[in-house]
Protein backbone atom coordinates (compact mmCIF):
# COMPACT_ATOMS: atom_id res chain seq x y z
CA MET A 1 26.03 70.82 -68.63
CA LEU A 2 28.82 71.46 -71.57
CA PRO A 3 30.61 67.62 -70.90
CA PHE A 4 27.03 66.57 -71.45
CA ARG A 5 26.24 68.40 -74.52
CA LEU A 6 29.53 67.36 -75.87
CA ALA A 7 28.25 64.02 -75.23
CA ALA A 8 25.67 64.15 -76.90
CA THR A 9 26.74 65.92 -79.91
CA VAL A 10 29.65 63.08 -80.29
CA ALA A 11 26.92 60.76 -80.19
CA GLY A 12 24.74 61.89 -82.99
CA ALA A 13 27.39 62.45 -84.96
CA SER A 14 28.72 58.96 -84.51
CA GLY A 15 25.23 58.14 -85.30
CA ILE A 16 25.09 60.33 -88.54
CA VAL A 17 28.41 58.74 -89.69
CA ALA A 18 27.57 55.15 -89.39
CA ALA A 19 23.74 55.77 -90.89
CA LEU A 20 26.11 57.07 -93.87
CA LEU A 21 28.31 54.07 -93.70
CA GLY A 22 25.17 51.73 -93.80
CA VAL A 23 23.48 53.47 -96.64
CA VAL A 24 27.20 53.38 -98.88
CA GLY A 25 26.94 49.36 -97.66
CA LEU A 26 23.77 48.78 -98.89
CA TYR A 27 24.62 50.47 -102.61
CA GLY A 28 27.42 48.71 -102.79
CA VAL A 29 25.91 45.15 -102.03
CA ILE A 30 23.13 46.26 -104.88
CA ALA A 31 25.65 47.57 -107.04
CA TYR A 32 27.49 44.29 -106.82
CA LEU A 33 24.64 41.82 -107.39
CA VAL A 34 23.83 44.01 -110.56
CA VAL A 35 26.95 43.39 -112.02
CA ARG A 36 27.14 39.97 -111.34
CA ARG A 37 24.00 39.63 -112.78
CA THR A 38 24.35 42.12 -115.54
CA GLY A 39 23.77 39.13 -118.07
CA GLU A 40 21.42 37.88 -117.07
CA ILE A 41 19.55 41.04 -116.73
CA ALA A 42 20.70 41.59 -120.28
CA ILE A 43 18.84 37.88 -121.45
CA ARG A 44 15.70 39.17 -119.54
CA SER A 45 15.54 42.66 -121.17
CA ALA A 46 16.16 41.35 -124.64
CA LEU A 47 13.11 38.58 -124.13
CA GLY A 48 11.02 41.44 -123.29
CA ALA A 49 11.05 42.03 -119.71
CA ARG A 50 9.69 45.25 -118.20
CA THR A 51 11.82 47.38 -116.80
CA GLY A 52 9.85 47.26 -113.51
CA ALA A 53 10.22 43.59 -113.23
CA LEU A 54 14.04 43.94 -113.65
CA LEU A 55 14.02 46.29 -110.65
CA ARG A 56 11.25 44.42 -108.84
CA HIS A 57 13.98 41.31 -109.30
CA VAL A 58 17.16 43.22 -108.25
CA LEU A 59 15.94 44.79 -104.88
CA ALA A 60 14.60 41.53 -104.00
CA THR A 61 17.86 39.90 -104.27
CA GLY A 62 19.31 42.78 -102.25
CA GLY A 63 16.47 42.53 -99.82
CA TRP A 64 17.73 39.36 -99.05
CA VAL A 65 21.28 40.13 -98.31
CA VAL A 66 19.92 43.36 -96.39
CA ALA A 67 17.26 41.04 -94.04
CA VAL A 68 19.75 38.29 -93.53
CA GLY A 69 22.26 40.93 -92.26
CA LEU A 70 19.51 42.54 -89.93
CA GLY A 71 18.06 39.13 -88.69
CA SER A 72 20.99 38.00 -87.62
CA GLY A 73 22.62 41.58 -86.14
CA ALA A 74 19.52 41.75 -83.87
CA VAL A 75 19.87 38.29 -82.75
CA LEU A 76 23.73 38.87 -81.94
CA ALA A 77 23.67 42.47 -80.82
CA PRO A 78 22.02 41.04 -77.51
CA ARG A 79 24.48 38.57 -76.72
CA CYS A 80 27.97 40.42 -77.48
CA SER A 81 26.51 43.32 -75.06
CA ARG A 82 25.95 40.55 -72.37
CA CYS A 83 29.39 39.65 -72.88
CA ARG A 84 30.21 43.21 -72.80
CA ARG A 85 28.91 43.91 -69.33
CA MET A 86 30.18 40.35 -68.50
CA GLY A 87 33.47 41.54 -69.26
CA ARG A 88 32.98 45.16 -67.16
CA ARG A 89 31.93 43.25 -63.72
CA GLY A 90 35.07 41.55 -63.89
CA ARG A 91 33.75 37.74 -63.36
CA PRO A 92 37.30 35.75 -62.94
CA GLY A 93 36.81 32.38 -64.60
CA ARG A 94 34.36 33.03 -67.02
CA ARG A 95 34.23 33.26 -70.41
CA CYS A 96 31.33 34.38 -72.82
CA SER A 97 30.75 32.99 -75.80
CA GLY A 98 27.88 34.82 -76.76
CA LEU A 99 25.79 31.77 -77.50
CA ASP A 100 25.89 30.61 -74.06
CA ARG A 101 22.11 30.75 -72.32
CA ARG A 102 23.73 30.61 -69.00
CA ALA A 103 25.41 33.51 -69.36
């Protein structure tokens, strides 16, 4: 029973660390976008844009980055998983590119 509990604890801790890394990465992307567009945000603010509109603009731009990352991850993860399963079975002479439908 102890090995299963230990494995579950390690898996849970790994999941928490992965979630924290994702949050920090998302913060980094949005911070980078804001720094890159500081001049544009300042001009919009000087011309009378409201704070909510500026915030929506920044979050929408960051949202596109997140959407592209989630979409590509959702498409590629099953294919990479299939490649790993093929490698474990040890089929000689076959290489999986991850994009091959016949795999």
